[in-house]
C-alpha atoms as a PDB file:
ATOM      1  CA  MET A   1      11.593 -33.640 -13.025  1.00  0.00           C
ATOM      2  CA  LYS A   2       9.279 -36.200 -11.603  1.00  0.00           C
ATOM      3  CA  LYS A   3       7.297 -35.318  -8.489  1.00  0.00           C
ATOM      4  CA  GLU A   4       8.766 -38.332  -6.685  1.00  0.00           C
ATOM      5  CA  LEU A   5      12.328 -37.022  -7.092  1.00  0.00           C
ATOM      6  CA  PHE A   6      11.259 -33.585  -5.871  1.00  0.00           C
ATOM      7  CA  PHE A   7       9.686 -35.224  -2.824  1.00  0.00           C
ATOM      8  CA  VAL A   8      12.953 -37.068  -2.080  1.00  0.00           C
ATOM      9  CA  ARG A   9      14.869 -33.742  -2.238  1.00  0.00           C
ATOM     10  CA  PHE A  10      12.304 -32.268   0.167  1.00  0.00           C
ATOM     11  CA  LEU A  11      12.763 -35.162   2.616  1.00  0.00           C
ATOM     12  CA  LYS A  12      16.536 -34.690   2.560  1.00  0.00           C
ATOM     13  CA  ASN A  13      16.335 -30.978   3.315  1.00  0.00           C
ATOM     14  CA  PRO A  14      12.803 -29.691   4.034  1.00  0.00           C
ATOM     15  CA  LEU A  15      13.904 -26.243   5.254  1.00  0.00           C
ATOM     16  CA  LYS A  16      15.853 -25.594   2.074  1.00  0.00           C
ATOM     17  CA  ILE A  17      13.420 -27.107  -0.436  1.00  0.00           C
ATOM     18  CA  GLY A  18      10.283 -25.825   1.308  1.00  0.00           C
ATOM     19  CA  ALA A  19       7.630 -27.764  -0.632  1.00  0.00           C
ATOM     20  CA  VAL A  20       6.612 -31.353  -1.173  1.00  0.00           C
ATOM     21  CA  PHE A  21       5.750 -30.837  -4.854  1.00  0.00           C
ATOM     22  CA  PRO A  22       7.139 -28.593  -7.588  1.00  0.00           C
ATOM     23  CA  SER A  23       5.224 -25.401  -8.386  1.00  0.00           C
ATOM     24  CA  SER A  24       2.422 -25.582 -10.931  1.00  0.00           C
ATOM     25  CA  ARG A  25       2.475 -23.997 -14.363  1.00  0.00           C
ATOM     26  CA  PHE A  26      -0.385 -21.789 -13.153  1.00  0.00           C
ATOM     27  CA  LEU A  27       1.811 -20.375 -10.409  1.00  0.00           C
ATOM     28  CA  ALA A  28       4.690 -19.971 -12.864  1.00  0.00           C
ATOM     29  CA  THR A  29       2.494 -17.930 -15.212  1.00  0.00           C
ATOM     30  CA  ARG A  30       1.346 -15.683 -12.355  1.00  0.00           C
ATOM     31  CA  MET A  31       4.926 -15.233 -11.106  1.00  0.00           C
ATOM     32  CA  ILE A  32       6.118 -13.671 -14.337  1.00  0.00           C
ATOM     33  CA  GLU A  33       3.081 -11.557 -15.288  1.00  0.00           C
ATOM     34  CA  LYS A  34       4.654  -8.302 -13.949  1.00  0.00           C
ATOM     35  CA  ILE A  35       7.804  -8.705 -16.044  1.00  0.00           C
ATOM     36  CA  ASN A  36       8.186  -6.408 -19.038  1.00  0.00           C
ATOM     37  CA  PHE A  37      10.266  -8.703 -21.237  1.00  0.00           C
ATOM     38  CA  LYS A  38      10.705  -6.013 -23.892  1.00  0.00           C
ATOM     39  CA  THR A  39      12.761  -3.821 -21.532  1.00  0.00           C
ATOM     40  CA  ALA A  40      14.268  -6.317 -19.046  1.00  0.00           C
ATOM     41  CA  LYS A  41      18.050  -6.543 -19.290  1.00  0.00           C
ATOM     42  CA  VAL A  42      18.789  -8.745 -16.253  1.00  0.00           C
ATOM     43  CA  ILE A  43      16.493 -11.218 -14.494  1.00  0.00           C
ATOM     44  CA  ILE A  44      17.645 -13.306 -11.540  1.00  0.00           C
ATOM     45  CA  GLU A  45      15.897 -16.366 -10.203  1.00  0.00           C
ATOM     46  CA  TYR A  46      16.578 -17.440  -6.626  1.00  0.00           C
ATOM     47  CA  GLY A  47      16.097 -21.145  -5.990  1.00  0.00           C
ATOM     48  CA  PRO A  48      14.898 -22.319  -9.403  1.00  0.00           C
ATOM     49  CA  GLY A  49      14.776 -25.933  -8.194  1.00  0.00           C
ATOM     50  CA  THR A  50      13.214 -27.986 -10.975  1.00  0.00           C
ATOM     51  CA  GLY A  51      13.037 -24.983 -13.303  1.00  0.00           C
ATOM     52  CA  VAL A  52       9.256 -24.507 -13.496  1.00  0.00           C
ATOM     53  CA  PHE A  53       9.588 -20.696 -13.343  1.00  0.00           C
ATOM     54  CA  THR A  54      12.764 -20.811 -15.429  1.00  0.00           C
ATOM     55  CA  LYS A  55      10.920 -22.526 -18.258  1.00  0.00           C
ATOM     56  CA  GLU A  56       8.276 -19.781 -18.220  1.00  0.00           C
ATOM     57  CA  LEU A  57      10.927 -17.034 -18.093  1.00  0.00           C
ATOM     58  CA  LEU A  58      12.789 -18.499 -21.058  1.00  0.00           C
ATOM     59  CA  LYS A  59       9.603 -18.727 -23.147  1.00  0.00           C
ATOM     60  CA  HIS A  60       9.446 -14.927 -23.064  1.00  0.00           C
ATOM     61  CA  GLN A  61      13.133 -14.032 -22.754  1.00  0.00           C
ATOM     62  CA  GLN A  62      14.381 -11.543 -25.334  1.00  0.00           C
ATOM     63  CA  LYS A  63      17.714 -12.328 -27.008  1.00  0.00           C
ATOM     64  CA  GLU A  64      19.473  -9.468 -25.169  1.00  0.00           C
ATOM     65  CA  THR A  65      18.072 -10.350 -21.712  1.00  0.00           C
ATOM     66  CA  LEU A  66      20.411 -12.128 -19.305  1.00  0.00           C
ATOM     67  CA  VAL A  67      18.839 -14.705 -16.956  1.00  0.00           C
ATOM     68  CA  VAL A  68      20.901 -15.704 -13.902  1.00  0.00           C
ATOM     69  CA  LEU A  69      19.799 -18.788 -11.962  1.00  0.00           C
ATOM     70  CA  ILE A  70      21.099 -19.059  -8.372  1.00  0.00           C
ATOM     71  CA  GLU A  71      20.553 -22.534  -6.926  1.00  0.00           C
ATOM     72  CA  SER A  72      22.052 -23.845  -3.660  1.00  0.00           C
ATOM     73  CA  ASP A  73      20.857 -27.464  -3.814  1.00  0.00           C
ATOM     74  CA  PRO A  74      23.608 -29.505  -5.536  1.00  0.00           C
ATOM     75  CA  TYR A  75      21.200 -31.924  -7.204  1.00  0.00           C
ATOM     76  CA  PHE A  76      18.940 -29.208  -8.639  1.00  0.00           C
ATOM     77  CA  TYR A  77      22.006 -27.172  -9.637  1.00  0.00           C
ATOM     78  CA  GLN A  78      23.417 -30.116 -11.611  1.00  0.00           C
ATOM     79  CA  LYS A  79      20.087 -30.714 -13.363  1.00  0.00           C
ATOM     80  CA  LEU A  80      19.891 -27.011 -14.322  1.00  0.00           C
ATOM     81  CA  VAL A  81      23.462 -27.099 -15.664  1.00  0.00           C
ATOM     82  CA  GLU A  82      22.646 -30.162 -17.750  1.00  0.00           C
ATOM     83  CA  LYS A  83      19.569 -28.474 -19.156  1.00  0.00           C
ATOM     84  CA  TYR A  84      20.898 -24.952 -19.762  1.00  0.00           C
ATOM     85  CA  SER A  85      24.667 -25.262 -20.157  1.00  0.00           C
ATOM     86  CA  GLY A  86      25.812 -23.566 -23.331  1.00  0.00           C
ATOM     87  CA  LYS A  87      22.536 -21.686 -23.874  1.00  0.00           C
ATOM     88  CA  LYS A  88      23.002 -18.034 -24.719  1.00  0.00           C
ATOM     89  CA  ASN A  89      22.301 -15.477 -21.959  1.00  0.00           C
ATOM     90  CA  ILE A  90      21.582 -18.060 -19.260  1.00  0.00           C
ATOM     91  CA  ILE A  91      24.001 -18.430 -16.358  1.00  0.00           C
ATOM     92  CA  VAL A  92      23.571 -21.105 -13.691  1.00  0.00           C
ATOM     93  CA  ILE A  93      25.333 -20.408 -10.379  1.00  0.00           C
ATOM     94  CA  HIS A  94      25.746 -22.877  -7.505  1.00  0.00           C
ATOM     95  CA  SER A  95      25.391 -20.557  -4.528  1.00  0.00           C
ATOM     96  CA  SER A  96      22.954 -18.977  -2.110  1.00  0.00           C
ATOM     97  CA  ALA A  97      20.833 -15.881  -2.662  1.00  0.00           C
ATOM     98  CA  GLU A  98      22.720 -14.456   0.318  1.00  0.00           C
ATOM     99  CA  ASN A  99      25.681 -14.063  -2.058  1.00  0.00           C
ATOM    100  CA  VAL A 100      23.812 -12.147  -4.765  1.00  0.00           C
ATOM    101  CA  GLU A 101      25.960  -9.008  -4.470  1.00  0.00           C
ATOM    102  CA  GLN A 102      29.218 -10.914  -4.921  1.00  0.00           C
ATOM    103  CA  ILE A 103      27.748 -12.973  -7.767  1.00  0.00           C
ATOM    104  CA  LEU A 104      26.715  -9.814  -9.613  1.00  0.00           C
ATOM    105  CA  LYS A 105      30.081  -8.198  -8.939  1.00  0.00           C
ATOM    106  CA  ASP A 106      31.821 -11.257 -10.423  1.00  0.00           C
ATOM    107  CA  LEU A 107      29.526 -11.053 -13.471  1.00  0.00           C
ATOM    108  CA  GLN A 108      30.091  -7.264 -13.710  1.00  0.00           C
ATOM    109  CA  ILE A 109      26.384  -6.538 -13.369  1.00  0.00           C
ATOM    110  CA  THR A 110      25.486  -3.339 -11.541  1.00  0.00           C
ATOM    111  CA  GLN A 111      21.683  -3.520 -11.406  1.00  0.00           C
ATOM    112  CA  VAL A 112      18.903  -6.007 -11.884  1.00  0.00           C
ATOM    113  CA  ASP A 113      15.440  -5.416 -13.347  1.00  0.00           C
ATOM    114  CA  TYR A 114      13.605  -8.382 -11.808  1.00  0.00           C
ATOM    115  CA  ILE A 115      14.284 -11.028  -9.185  1.00  0.00           C
ATOM    116  CA  ILE A 116      11.982 -14.053  -9.087  1.00  0.00           C
ATOM    117  CA  SER A 117      12.188 -16.185  -5.968  1.00  0.00           C
ATOM    118  CA  GLY A 118      11.155 -19.701  -5.128  1.00  0.00           C
ATOM    119  CA  LEU A 119      12.818 -19.535  -1.703  1.00  0.00           C
ATOM    120  CA  PRO A 120      10.824 -20.830   1.284  1.00  0.00           C
ATOM    121  CA  PHE A 121      11.190 -17.699   3.429  1.00  0.00           C
ATOM    122  CA  ALA A 122       8.740 -19.011   6.052  1.00  0.00           C
ATOM    123  CA  SER A 123      11.172 -21.800   6.929  1.00  0.00           C
ATOM    124  CA  LEU A 124      14.353 -19.704   6.752  1.00  0.00           C
ATOM    125  CA  PRO A 125      15.850 -18.180   9.893  1.00  0.00           C
ATOM    126  CA  LYS A 126      14.984 -14.498  10.336  1.00  0.00           C
ATOM    127  CA  SER A 127      18.636 -13.448   9.918  1.00  0.00           C
ATOM    128  CA  ILE A 128      18.900 -15.189   6.530  1.00  0.00           C
ATOM    129  CA  THR A 129      15.591 -13.703   5.376  1.00  0.00           C
ATOM    130  CA  GLN A 130      16.791 -10.231   6.362  1.00  0.00           C
ATOM    131  CA  THR A 131      20.159 -10.662   4.642  1.00  0.00           C
ATOM    132  CA  ILE A 132      18.550 -11.848   1.402  1.00  0.00           C
ATOM    133  CA  LEU A 133      15.910  -9.087   1.386  1.00  0.00           C
ATOM    134  CA  GLU A 134      18.453  -6.376   2.217  1.00  0.00           C
ATOM    135  CA  LYS A 135      20.816  -7.458  -0.561  1.00  0.00           C
ATOM    136  CA  THR A 136      17.923  -7.939  -2.974  1.00  0.00           C
ATOM    137  CA  LYS A 137      16.804  -4.366  -2.373  1.00  0.00           C
ATOM    138  CA  ARG A 138      20.345  -3.085  -2.999  1.00  0.00           C
ATOM    139  CA  VAL A 139      20.867  -4.895  -6.305  1.00  0.00           C
ATOM    140  CA  LEU A 140      17.430  -4.123  -7.769  1.00  0.00           C
ATOM    141  CA  LYS A 141      17.133  -0.972  -9.811  1.00  0.00           C
ATOM    142  CA  THR A 142      14.642   1.671  -8.720  1.00  0.00           C
ATOM    143  CA  ASP A 143      11.158   0.478  -9.707  1.00  0.00           C
ATOM    144  CA  GLY A 144      12.535  -3.028 -10.232  1.00  0.00           C
ATOM    145  CA  TYR A 145      10.498  -5.960  -8.955  1.00  0.00           C
ATOM    146  CA  PHE A 146      11.192  -8.679  -6.424  1.00  0.00           C
ATOM    147  CA  ILE A 147       8.537 -11.344  -7.001  1.00  0.00           C
ATOM    148  CA  THR A 148       8.157 -14.280  -4.656  1.00  0.00           C
ATOM    149  CA  PHE A 149       5.536 -16.771  -3.652  1.00  0.00           C
ATOM    150  CA  GLN A 150       4.760 -18.022  -0.175  1.00  0.00           C
ATOM    151  CA  TYR A 151       2.309 -20.546   1.201  1.00  0.00           C
ATOM    152  CA  THR A 152       1.555 -18.318   4.200  1.00  0.00           C
ATOM    153  CA  LEU A 153       1.809 -14.607   4.913  1.00  0.00           C
ATOM    154  CA  TYR A 154       3.857 -15.372   8.023  1.00  0.00           C
ATOM    155  CA  LYS A 155       6.799 -13.173   6.904  1.00  0.00           C
ATOM    156  CA  LEU A 156       4.807 -10.442   5.161  1.00  0.00           C
ATOM    157  CA  ALA A 157       5.968  -7.884   7.760  1.00  0.00           C
ATOM    158  CA  ASP A 158       9.590  -8.714   6.898  1.00  0.00           C
ATOM    159  CA  PHE A 159       8.934  -8.132   3.203  1.00  0.00           C
ATOM    160  CA  LYS A 160       7.218  -4.804   3.964  1.00  0.00           C
ATOM    161  CA  LYS A 161      10.286  -3.544   5.876  1.00  0.00           C
ATOM    162  CA  TYR A 162      12.271  -3.636   2.644  1.00  0.00           C
ATOM    163  CA  PHE A 163       9.494  -3.265   0.089  1.00  0.00           C
ATOM    164  CA  PRO A 164       6.606  -1.137   1.428  1.00  0.00           C
ATOM    165  CA  SER A 165       4.827  -1.336  -1.946  1.00  0.00           C
ATOM    166  CA  ILE A 166       3.619  -4.920  -2.388  1.00  0.00           C
ATOM    167  CA  SER A 167       0.762  -6.225  -4.502  1.00  0.00           C
ATOM    168  CA  LEU A 168      -0.635  -9.535  -3.358  1.00  0.00           C
ATOM    169  CA  LYS A 169      -2.453 -12.251  -5.322  1.00  0.00           C
ATOM    170  CA  LYS A 170      -3.344 -15.838  -4.564  1.00  0.00           C
ATOM    171  CA  GLU A 171      -3.016 -18.771  -6.941  1.00  0.00           C
ATOM    172  CA  TYR A 172      -5.449 -21.513  -5.959  1.00  0.00           C
ATOM    173  CA  ARG A 173      -4.406 -23.881  -8.770  1.00  0.00           C
ATOM    174  CA  ASN A 174      -1.171 -24.774  -7.001  1.00  0.00           C
ATOM    175  CA  LEU A 175      -0.600 -27.495  -4.418  1.00  0.00           C
ATOM    176  CA  PRO A 176      -0.799 -25.999  -1.853  1.00  0.00           C
ATOM    177  CA  PRO A 177      -2.335 -22.671  -2.947  1.00  0.00           C
ATOM    178  CA  ALA A 178       0.239 -19.884  -2.889  1.00  0.00           C
ATOM    179  CA  TYR A 179       0.399 -16.125  -2.394  1.00  0.00           C
ATOM    180  CA  ILE A 180       2.326 -14.147  -5.001  1.00  0.00           C
ATOM    181  CA  LEU A 181       4.009 -11.035  -3.607  1.00  0.00           C
ATOM    182  CA  SER A 182       5.110  -8.497  -6.216  1.00  0.00           C
ATOM    183  CA  CYS A 183       7.389  -6.069  -4.410  1.00  0.00           C
ATOM    184  CA  ILE A 184       8.397  -2.804  -6.106  1.00  0.00           C
ATOM    185  CA  ASN A 185      11.773  -1.373  -5.202  1.00  0.00           C
ATOM    186  CA  LYS A 186      11.303   2.264  -4.206  1.00  0.00           C
ATOM    187  CA  LYS A 187      14.561   3.855  -3.077  1.00  0.00           C
END
């Protein structure tokens, strides 16, 4: 997707989109580096937007790995459907990450290995952040990963409430530079 179209989506709903430009391929590579694609059975992506992380996930996806994309923006959702409809082991859902438990129940999935997130937690209300993190923790298997990026560490304390074990890296080759938080689910 062109940067101009992404910018228009941002202007229409800045709190939901969270960035002026799509993520860089450098950030996408860093976001997936903790994933063991040989053993992953289920990977969820919250807020795939233009599909920058999705593209990287699918490069490494094993044939038996299911990738579930949860996108709330109708325009981005439609673009993802157009791109991935009919592809094996890719499901595109038009919903919010707040509904992850119900989505997995409907898909008859009991646990998830990895959740990758492009959600702008810094601009989300605290109650929504808490709901998403709480449900994310519940659906992730023990020692599963929740991996997100943020432009600030403003909500780091919120992440630590649910995921005390977090490794932190910074990707400077993104506009703006972004922190990658790799959160391990210890139950």
